[in-house]
Amino acid sequence: RRAMGSGEAKKFRALFGSAGRHGESFWAEESNNVGLKLLKGMGWETGQGLGKHNEGSTSHIKQTRKQDNRGIGATAATRDEAFKASQDLFNGVLARLNGKAGA
């Protein structure tokens, strides 16, 4: 089975949404899932929240689309500092290649 390209992934999301499977059809398809069997063995039923008093969230976790390629916790200053450090490193290598080791 080959991996989906970005174009194929976009078509999939357009047809099925970002998750693809949800609601009652999800639970029907996952009826043989080991985790689901364990939960049901402890008294949990579809539609209940988790926790001692079933107080857990019963809706899906909301996702947000990340608009840049920075890592978690990164700030603009972090990105600028990393760029300056890599630029200094490159300039040092270039100076050594040009025979200006002390520069």
C-alpha atoms as a PDB file:
ATOM      1  CA  ARG A   1       0.000   0.000   0.000  1.00  0.00           C
ATOM      2  CA  ARG A   2       1.492   3.320  -1.004  1.00  0.00           C
ATOM      3  CA  ALA A   3       1.365   6.534   1.021  1.00  0.00           C
ATOM      4  CA  MET A   4      -1.004   9.319   0.049  1.00  0.00           C
ATOM      5  CA  GLY A   5       0.452  12.391  -1.646  1.00  0.00           C
ATOM      6  CA  SER A   6      -0.703  15.839  -0.559  1.00  0.00           C
ATOM      7  CA  GLY A   7      -3.222  16.022  -3.414  1.00  0.00           C
ATOM      8  CA  GLU A   8      -4.716  12.673  -2.458  1.00  0.00           C
ATOM      9  CA  ALA A   9      -4.852  13.686   1.200  1.00  0.00           C
ATOM     10  CA  LYS A  10      -6.768  16.849   0.268  1.00  0.00           C
ATOM     11  CA  LYS A  11      -9.284  14.799  -1.719  1.00  0.00           C
ATOM     12  CA  PHE A  12      -9.682  12.404   1.230  1.00  0.00           C
ATOM     13  CA  ARG A  13     -10.305  15.276   3.669  1.00  0.00           C
ATOM     14  CA  ALA A  14     -12.795  16.851   1.252  1.00  0.00           C
ATOM     15  CA  LEU A  15     -14.746  13.581   1.086  1.00  0.00           C
ATOM     16  CA  PHE A  16     -14.485  12.378   4.675  1.00  0.00           C
ATOM     17  CA  GLY A  17     -13.436  15.379   6.771  1.00  0.00           C
ATOM     18  CA  SER A  18     -10.226  15.476   8.762  1.00  0.00           C
ATOM     19  CA  ALA A  19     -11.013  12.429  10.894  1.00  0.00           C
ATOM     20  CA  GLY A  20     -12.716  10.290   8.290  1.00  0.00           C
ATOM     21  CA  ARG A  21     -14.579   8.142  10.809  1.00  0.00           C
ATOM     22  CA  HIS A  22     -16.777   9.395  13.624  1.00  0.00           C
ATOM     23  CA  GLY A  23     -20.102   8.897  15.369  1.00  0.00           C
ATOM     24  CA  GLU A  24     -21.956   5.600  15.477  1.00  0.00           C
ATOM     25  CA  SER A  25     -20.173   4.235  12.410  1.00  0.00           C
ATOM     26  CA  PHE A  26     -16.848   4.634  14.254  1.00  0.00           C
ATOM     27  CA  TRP A  27     -18.063   2.626  17.255  1.00  0.00           C
ATOM     28  CA  ALA A  28     -19.489  -0.090  14.999  1.00  0.00           C
ATOM     29  CA  GLU A  29     -16.185  -0.418  13.127  1.00  0.00           C
ATOM     30  CA  GLU A  30     -14.179  -0.492  16.359  1.00  0.00           C
ATOM     31  CA  SER A  31     -16.304  -3.116  18.142  1.00  0.00           C
ATOM     32  CA  ASN A  32     -13.346  -5.546  18.283  1.00  0.00           C
ATOM     33  CA  ASN A  33     -10.888  -2.919  19.567  1.00  0.00           C
ATOM     34  CA  VAL A  34      -9.011  -4.132  22.670  1.00  0.00           C
ATOM     35  CA  GLY A  35      -9.214  -0.747  24.409  1.00  0.00           C
ATOM     36  CA  LEU A  36     -12.952  -0.518  23.809  1.00  0.00           C
ATOM     37  CA  LYS A  37     -13.413  -4.029  25.207  1.00  0.00           C
ATOM     38  CA  LEU A  38     -11.446  -3.060  28.337  1.00  0.00           C
ATOM     39  CA  LEU A  39     -13.539   0.073  28.880  1.00  0.00           C
ATOM     40  CA  LYS A  40     -16.794  -1.842  28.425  1.00  0.00           C
ATOM     41  CA  GLY A  41     -15.520  -4.512  30.825  1.00  0.00           C
ATOM     42  CA  MET A  42     -15.195  -1.780  33.462  1.00  0.00           C
ATOM     43  CA  GLY A  43     -18.778  -0.617  32.912  1.00  0.00           C
ATOM     44  CA  TRP A  44     -18.270   2.161  30.379  1.00  0.00           C
ATOM     45  CA  GLU A  45     -20.881   2.614  27.653  1.00  0.00           C
ATOM     46  CA  THR A  46     -20.803   4.522  24.374  1.00  0.00           C
ATOM     47  CA  GLY A  47     -21.638   8.201  24.913  1.00  0.00           C
ATOM     48  CA  GLN A  48     -20.424   8.360  28.518  1.00  0.00           C
ATOM     49  CA  GLY A  49     -17.493  10.475  29.619  1.00  0.00           C
ATOM     50  CA  LEU A  50     -14.505   8.934  31.371  1.00  0.00           C
ATOM     51  CA  GLY A  51     -13.799   9.372  35.057  1.00  0.00           C
ATOM     52  CA  LYS A  52     -15.192   8.204  38.389  1.00  0.00           C
ATOM     53  CA  HIS A  53     -18.530   9.931  37.783  1.00  0.00           C
ATOM     54  CA  ASN A  54     -18.467   9.857  33.959  1.00  0.00           C
ATOM     55  CA  GLU A  55     -17.693  13.594  34.021  1.00  0.00           C
ATOM     56  CA  GLY A  56     -15.115  13.520  31.198  1.00  0.00           C
ATOM     57  CA  SER A  57     -15.599  15.213  27.851  1.00  0.00           C
ATOM     58  CA  THR A  58     -17.783  13.343  25.382  1.00  0.00           C
ATOM     59  CA  SER A  59     -16.932  15.476  22.353  1.00  0.00           C
ATOM     60  CA  HIS A  60     -13.893  15.136  20.130  1.00  0.00           C
ATOM     61  CA  ILE A  61     -10.722  17.114  20.734  1.00  0.00           C
ATOM     62  CA  LYS A  62     -10.731  20.239  18.591  1.00  0.00           C
ATOM     63  CA  GLN A  63      -7.759  20.743  16.324  1.00  0.00           C
ATOM     64  CA  THR A  64      -6.309  23.912  14.904  1.00  0.00           C
ATOM     65  CA  ARG A  65      -4.249  24.233  11.773  1.00  0.00           C
ATOM     66  CA  LYS A  66      -0.738  25.475  12.436  1.00  0.00           C
ATOM     67  CA  GLN A  67       0.083  28.317  10.052  1.00  0.00           C
ATOM     68  CA  ASP A  68       3.868  28.249  10.268  1.00  0.00           C
ATOM     69  CA  ASN A  69       6.703  25.745  10.624  1.00  0.00           C
ATOM     70  CA  ARG A  70       7.991  26.791  14.029  1.00  0.00           C
ATOM     71  CA  GLY A  71       8.142  24.232  16.819  1.00  0.00           C
ATOM     72  CA  ILE A  72       6.084  24.186  20.002  1.00  0.00           C
ATOM     73  CA  GLY A  73       7.088  27.002  22.328  1.00  0.00           C
ATOM     74  CA  ALA A  74       9.069  28.839  19.655  1.00  0.00           C
ATOM     75  CA  THR A  75       8.920  32.601  19.499  1.00  0.00           C
ATOM     76  CA  ALA A  76       9.986  35.021  16.801  1.00  0.00           C
ATOM     77  CA  ALA A  77      13.092  35.802  18.882  1.00  0.00           C
ATOM     78  CA  THR A  78      14.026  32.101  18.998  1.00  0.00           C
ATOM     79  CA  ARG A  79      13.825  31.877  15.237  1.00  0.00           C
ATOM     80  CA  ASP A  80      15.917  35.038  14.758  1.00  0.00           C
ATOM     81  CA  GLU A  81      18.568  33.835  17.200  1.00  0.00           C
ATOM     82  CA  ALA A  82      18.830  30.491  15.426  1.00  0.00           C
ATOM     83  CA  PHE A  83      19.200  32.232  12.071  1.00  0.00           C
ATOM     84  CA  LYS A  84      21.929  34.533  13.395  1.00  0.00           C
ATOM     85  CA  ALA A  85      23.809  31.597  14.938  1.00  0.00           C
ATOM     86  CA  SER A  86      23.679  29.590  11.701  1.00  0.00           C
ATOM     87  CA  GLN A  87      24.754  32.651   9.738  1.00  0.00           C
ATOM     88  CA  ASP A  88      27.756  33.158  12.059  1.00  0.00           C
ATOM     89  CA  LEU A  89      28.673  29.479  11.667  1.00  0.00           C
ATOM     90  CA  PHE A  90      28.456  29.689   7.883  1.00  0.00           C
ATOM     91  CA  ASN A  91      30.551  32.888   7.819  1.00  0.00           C
ATOM     92  CA  GLY A  92      33.229  31.182   9.945  1.00  0.00           C
ATOM     93  CA  VAL A  93      33.397  28.178   7.619  1.00  0.00           C
ATOM     94  CA  LEU A  94      33.560  30.466   4.601  1.00  0.00           C
ATOM     95  CA  ALA A  95      36.365  32.512   6.156  1.00  0.00           C
ATOM     96  CA  ARG A  96      38.399  29.338   6.870  1.00  0.00           C
ATOM     97  CA  LEU A  97      37.885  28.127   3.301  1.00  0.00           C
ATOM     98  CA  ASN A  98      39.137  31.478   2.026  1.00  0.00           C
ATOM     99  CA  GLY A  99      42.277  31.192   4.194  1.00  0.00           C
ATOM    100  CA  LYS A 100      41.249  33.882   6.665  1.00  0.00           C
ATOM    101  CA  ALA A 101      41.202  31.707   9.784  1.00  0.00           C
ATOM    102  CA  GLY A 102      41.589  34.668  12.137  1.00  0.00           C
ATOM    103  CA  ALA A 103      38.762  36.618  10.523  1.00  0.00           C
END
